[in-house]
Amino acid sequence: WNADHIVTLTAVDDNETDGTQSFYVNLGADNETTDSSYAGVDPQDVAAATLDDESAGFMISAISGNLTEQGGTATFTVKLMSKPTASVNIPIYVSDPSEATVSGDNATHLSFSTTNWNADHIVTLTAVDDNESDGTQSFYVNLGADNTTTDTSYAGVDPQDVAAATLDDESAGFMISSISGNLTEQGGTAMFTVKLMSRPSASVNIPISVSDTSEATVSGD
């Protein structure tokens, strides 16, 4: 009776960002003992607390690579670092929609629930072919905050944006067809066509002339 009887508490990892949680170890009374001195005597309960080891946040993978304009795609994944107490919906969009489109669990959001919070949610980028010779273009995939969730740990928490880039598949140049044939001096004509290999950012005006005006005249637009 006078030996120490050890009571051991073992923490339960709840995966939730719930901070320090206080509770009691309840010590009840023995109402059946025949010792009238101890019968019904209720020991004092013992206060205890569990320190939380989770914090609200987002685990974002590296992007799979750069995009190429010939229908290229790239992906990265996002998951929560702790179990939310309510749904968390993260808006996604690109900073420059002329370079890429983005989709997640749907066209505009990543949706985390209390059951799928720690699964990888895939974000897919698809390049937009702009026909311009504009070189490599950098942009961001913006991950926004959920300002309406009832989970106070995740409400208003803004995930880090992801840097991306689109590699250009156009180069400045001219595509010139073969000439239709030789000229004949009896009023003969011949033609060829010219077009640009990429869309310019401003008007391009190409002067045309013949090296020997005694042999032919030339006209364009």
Protein backbone atom coordinates (compact mmCIF):
# COMPACT_ATOMS: atom_id res chain seq x y z
CA TRP A 1 0.00 0.00 0.00
CA ASN A 2 2.87 2.41 0.64
CA ALA A 3 4.75 1.67 -2.60
CA ASP A 4 4.57 4.22 -5.44
CA HIS A 5 2.10 3.13 -8.12
CA ILE A 6 3.12 4.73 -11.40
CA VAL A 7 0.52 6.32 -13.67
CA THR A 8 1.83 6.82 -17.22
CA LEU A 9 0.36 9.24 -19.75
CA THR A 10 1.10 8.84 -23.47
CA ALA A 11 0.36 11.70 -25.86
CA VAL A 12 -1.88 11.18 -28.88
CA ASP A 13 -0.71 12.89 -32.07
CA ASP A 14 -3.86 14.42 -33.55
CA ASN A 15 -2.14 16.09 -36.58
CA GLU A 16 -4.11 19.25 -35.78
CA THR A 17 -2.72 22.71 -35.14
CA ASP A 18 -4.53 23.12 -31.85
CA GLY A 19 -1.85 24.60 -29.58
CA THR A 20 -1.28 23.46 -25.99
CA GLN A 21 -4.24 21.42 -24.78
CA SER A 22 -4.98 21.09 -21.04
CA PHE A 23 -6.85 18.17 -19.52
CA TYR A 24 -7.18 16.19 -16.28
CA VAL A 25 -6.34 12.67 -15.19
CA ASN A 26 -9.45 11.70 -13.24
CA LEU A 27 -8.91 9.58 -10.14
CA GLY A 28 -12.22 8.09 -9.04
CA ALA A 29 -13.52 6.69 -5.78
CA ASP A 30 -13.78 3.01 -4.86
CA ASN A 31 -17.37 2.60 -3.77
CA GLU A 32 -17.14 -1.17 -3.30
CA THR A 33 -14.21 -1.59 -0.92
CA THR A 34 -15.05 -2.97 2.53
CA ASP A 35 -12.58 -0.55 4.08
CA SER A 36 -14.97 2.00 5.46
CA SER A 37 -12.16 4.57 5.69
CA TYR A 38 -11.48 4.49 1.96
CA ALA A 39 -14.94 3.68 0.63
CA GLY A 40 -16.21 6.55 -1.50
CA VAL A 41 -13.09 8.68 -0.99
CA ASP A 42 -12.37 10.53 -4.26
CA PRO A 43 -8.68 11.32 -4.84
CA GLN A 44 -7.73 14.71 -6.26
CA ASP A 45 -7.59 14.78 -10.04
CA VAL A 46 -4.26 15.62 -11.72
CA ALA A 47 -3.92 18.47 -14.23
CA ALA A 48 -1.86 17.79 -17.37
CA ALA A 49 -1.25 19.33 -20.78
CA THR A 50 -0.13 18.27 -24.25
CA LEU A 51 2.18 20.57 -26.19
CA ASP A 52 1.33 20.79 -29.88
CA ASP A 53 3.93 19.74 -32.48
CA GLU A 54 2.03 20.90 -35.58
CA SER A 55 1.90 24.32 -37.18
CA ALA A 56 -0.34 25.57 -39.95
CA GLY A 57 1.47 25.81 -43.25
CA PHE A 58 1.89 24.48 -46.77
CA MET A 59 4.38 21.99 -48.18
CA ILE A 60 5.09 22.95 -51.80
CA SER A 61 7.28 20.80 -54.04
CA ALA A 62 9.72 22.06 -56.64
CA ILE A 63 8.25 22.64 -60.10
CA SER A 64 8.96 19.83 -62.58
CA GLY A 65 10.71 22.15 -65.05
CA ASN A 66 10.30 25.01 -67.49
CA LEU A 67 7.46 25.12 -69.99
CA THR A 68 7.94 25.07 -73.75
CA GLU A 69 5.48 26.80 -76.04
CA GLN A 70 4.81 23.68 -78.14
CA GLY A 71 2.11 22.44 -75.78
CA GLY A 72 4.48 21.99 -72.85
CA THR A 73 3.30 21.35 -69.30
CA ALA A 74 4.88 21.48 -65.85
CA THR A 75 3.60 20.42 -62.44
CA PHE A 76 4.18 20.87 -58.73
CA THR A 77 2.33 19.63 -55.65
CA VAL A 78 0.87 21.26 -52.56
CA LYS A 79 -0.32 19.75 -49.26
CA LEU A 80 -1.04 21.02 -45.76
CA MET A 81 1.42 20.58 -42.90
CA SER A 82 -1.31 19.90 -40.34
CA LYS A 83 -4.86 18.63 -40.28
CA PRO A 84 -7.38 21.46 -40.59
CA THR A 85 -10.56 21.63 -38.56
CA ALA A 86 -12.50 22.78 -41.63
CA SER A 87 -12.07 22.88 -45.40
CA VAL A 88 -9.29 25.11 -46.75
CA ASN A 89 -9.64 26.36 -50.35
CA ILE A 90 -6.61 27.99 -51.94
CA PRO A 91 -7.12 30.12 -55.08
CA ILE A 92 -4.54 29.63 -57.86
CA TYR A 93 -3.78 31.81 -60.87
CA VAL A 94 -0.81 32.85 -63.00
CA SER A 95 0.66 36.35 -62.95
CA ASP A 96 0.84 36.41 -66.78
CA PRO A 97 -1.99 34.48 -68.48
CA SER A 98 -0.45 35.19 -71.89
CA GLU A 99 2.32 32.71 -70.97
CA ALA A 100 0.47 29.83 -69.29
CA THR A 101 -2.80 28.55 -67.91
CA VAL A 102 -3.10 26.78 -64.54
CA SER A 103 -5.41 24.21 -62.99
CA GLY A 104 -5.55 22.44 -59.65
CA ASP A 105 -8.32 20.37 -58.09
CA ASN A 106 -10.48 22.49 -60.40
CA ALA A 107 -9.78 25.40 -62.71
CA THR A 108 -9.33 27.95 -59.93
CA HIS A 109 -8.67 26.31 -56.55
CA LEU A 110 -6.94 23.65 -54.49
CA SER A 111 -9.41 22.17 -52.00
CA PHE A 112 -8.13 20.61 -48.78
CA SER A 113 -10.45 18.74 -46.43
CA THR A 114 -10.03 17.06 -43.06
CA THR A 115 -9.39 13.77 -44.90
CA ASN A 116 -7.22 14.74 -47.90
CA TRP A 117 -5.14 17.50 -46.27
CA ASN A 118 -1.88 15.48 -46.34
CA ALA A 119 -2.27 14.13 -49.90
CA ASP A 120 -0.37 15.77 -52.75
CA HIS A 121 -2.63 18.12 -54.71
CA ILE A 122 -1.25 18.57 -58.22
CA VAL A 123 -1.01 21.98 -59.88
CA THR A 124 -0.61 21.78 -63.68
CA LEU A 125 0.71 24.55 -65.89
CA THR A 126 0.13 24.52 -69.66
CA ALA A 127 2.10 26.84 -71.93
CA VAL A 128 0.38 29.34 -74.22
CA ASP A 129 1.96 29.69 -77.67
CA ASP A 130 1.95 33.43 -78.26
CA ASN A 131 3.62 33.36 -81.72
CA GLU A 132 5.96 36.11 -80.56
CA SER A 133 9.75 36.00 -80.58
CA ASP A 134 9.95 37.10 -76.95
CA GLY A 135 12.58 34.77 -75.51
CA THR A 136 12.22 33.06 -72.13
CA GLN A 137 9.40 34.63 -70.11
CA SER A 138 9.29 34.33 -66.32
CA PHE A 139 6.09 34.50 -64.28
CA TYR A 140 4.59 33.29 -61.00
CA VAL A 141 1.89 30.86 -60.01
CA ASN A 142 0.07 32.78 -57.31
CA LEU A 143 -1.29 30.75 -54.40
CA GLY A 144 -3.74 32.84 -52.42
CA ALA A 145 -5.08 32.70 -48.88
CA ASP A 146 -8.42 31.28 -47.79
CA ASN A 147 -10.02 34.16 -45.93
CA THR A 148 -13.35 32.40 -45.37
CA THR A 149 -12.35 29.09 -43.76
CA THR A 150 -13.51 28.61 -40.18
CA ASP A 151 -10.17 27.03 -39.28
CA THR A 152 -8.53 29.93 -37.43
CA SER A 153 -5.05 28.44 -37.91
CA TYR A 154 -5.32 28.51 -41.72
CA ALA A 155 -7.57 31.54 -42.21
CA GLY A 156 -5.63 34.25 -44.04
CA VAL A 157 -2.42 32.20 -44.34
CA ASP A 158 -0.90 32.95 -47.76
CA PRO A 159 1.21 30.14 -49.28
CA GLN A 160 4.45 30.97 -51.04
CA ASP A 161 4.07 31.65 -54.77
CA VAL A 162 5.91 29.43 -57.27
CA ALA A 163 8.25 30.83 -59.92
CA ALA A 164 7.94 29.41 -63.46
CA ALA A 165 9.16 30.19 -66.97
CA THR A 166 8.13 29.57 -70.57
CA LEU A 167 10.83 28.85 -73.15
CA ASP A 168 10.18 30.53 -76.49
CA ASP A 169 9.79 28.45 -79.68
CA GLU A 170 9.76 31.38 -82.12
CA SER A 171 12.65 33.30 -83.66
CA ALA A 172 12.57 36.51 -85.66
CA GLY A 173 12.93 35.90 -89.37
CA PHE A 174 11.25 35.82 -92.77
CA MET A 175 9.67 32.93 -94.63
CA ILE A 176 10.09 33.55 -98.37
CA SER A 177 8.52 31.30 -100.98
CA SER A 178 10.10 30.28 -104.26
CA ILE A 179 9.51 32.65 -107.17
CA SER A 180 6.77 31.52 -109.54
CA GLY A 181 9.08 31.50 -112.57
CA ASN A 182 11.15 33.60 -114.93
CA LEU A 183 9.79 36.75 -116.51
CA THR A 184 9.20 37.22 -120.22
CA GLU A 185 9.59 40.63 -121.75
CA GLN A 186 6.17 40.53 -123.39
CA GLY A 187 4.44 41.83 -120.21
CA GLY A 188 5.34 38.79 -118.14
CA THR A 189 4.99 38.70 -114.35
CA ALA A 190 6.29 36.53 -111.58
CA MET A 191 5.46 36.40 -107.88
CA PHE A 192 6.73 35.18 -104.55
CA THR A 193 5.42 35.65 -101.00
CA VAL A 194 6.97 36.86 -97.77
CA LYS A 195 5.76 36.51 -94.20
CA LEU A 196 7.25 36.81 -90.74
CA MET A 197 8.24 33.74 -88.72
CA SER A 198 6.95 35.23 -85.47
CA ARG A 199 4.47 37.87 -84.42
CA PRO A 200 6.18 41.26 -84.01
CA SER A 201 5.55 43.58 -81.10
CA ALA A 202 5.28 46.52 -83.52
CA SER A 203 4.84 47.12 -87.25
CA VAL A 204 7.64 45.85 -89.53
CA ASN A 205 7.94 47.59 -92.89
CA ILE A 206 10.29 45.95 -95.43
CA PRO A 207 11.47 48.13 -98.36
CA ILE A 208 11.57 46.38 -101.74
CA SER A 209 13.43 47.33 -104.92
CA VAL A 210 15.05 45.69 -107.94
CA SER A 211 18.76 45.83 -108.53
CA ASP A 212 18.27 46.63 -112.25
CA THR A 213 15.28 48.83 -112.99
CA SER A 214 15.92 48.41 -116.73
CA GLU A 215 14.81 44.79 -116.43
CA ALA A 216 11.76 44.87 -114.12
CA THR A 217 9.64 46.86 -111.71
CA VAL A 218 8.47 45.58 -108.33
CA SER A 219 5.53 46.22 -106.06
CA GLY A 220 4.37 44.81 -102.74
CA ASP A 221 1.63 45.89 -100.38
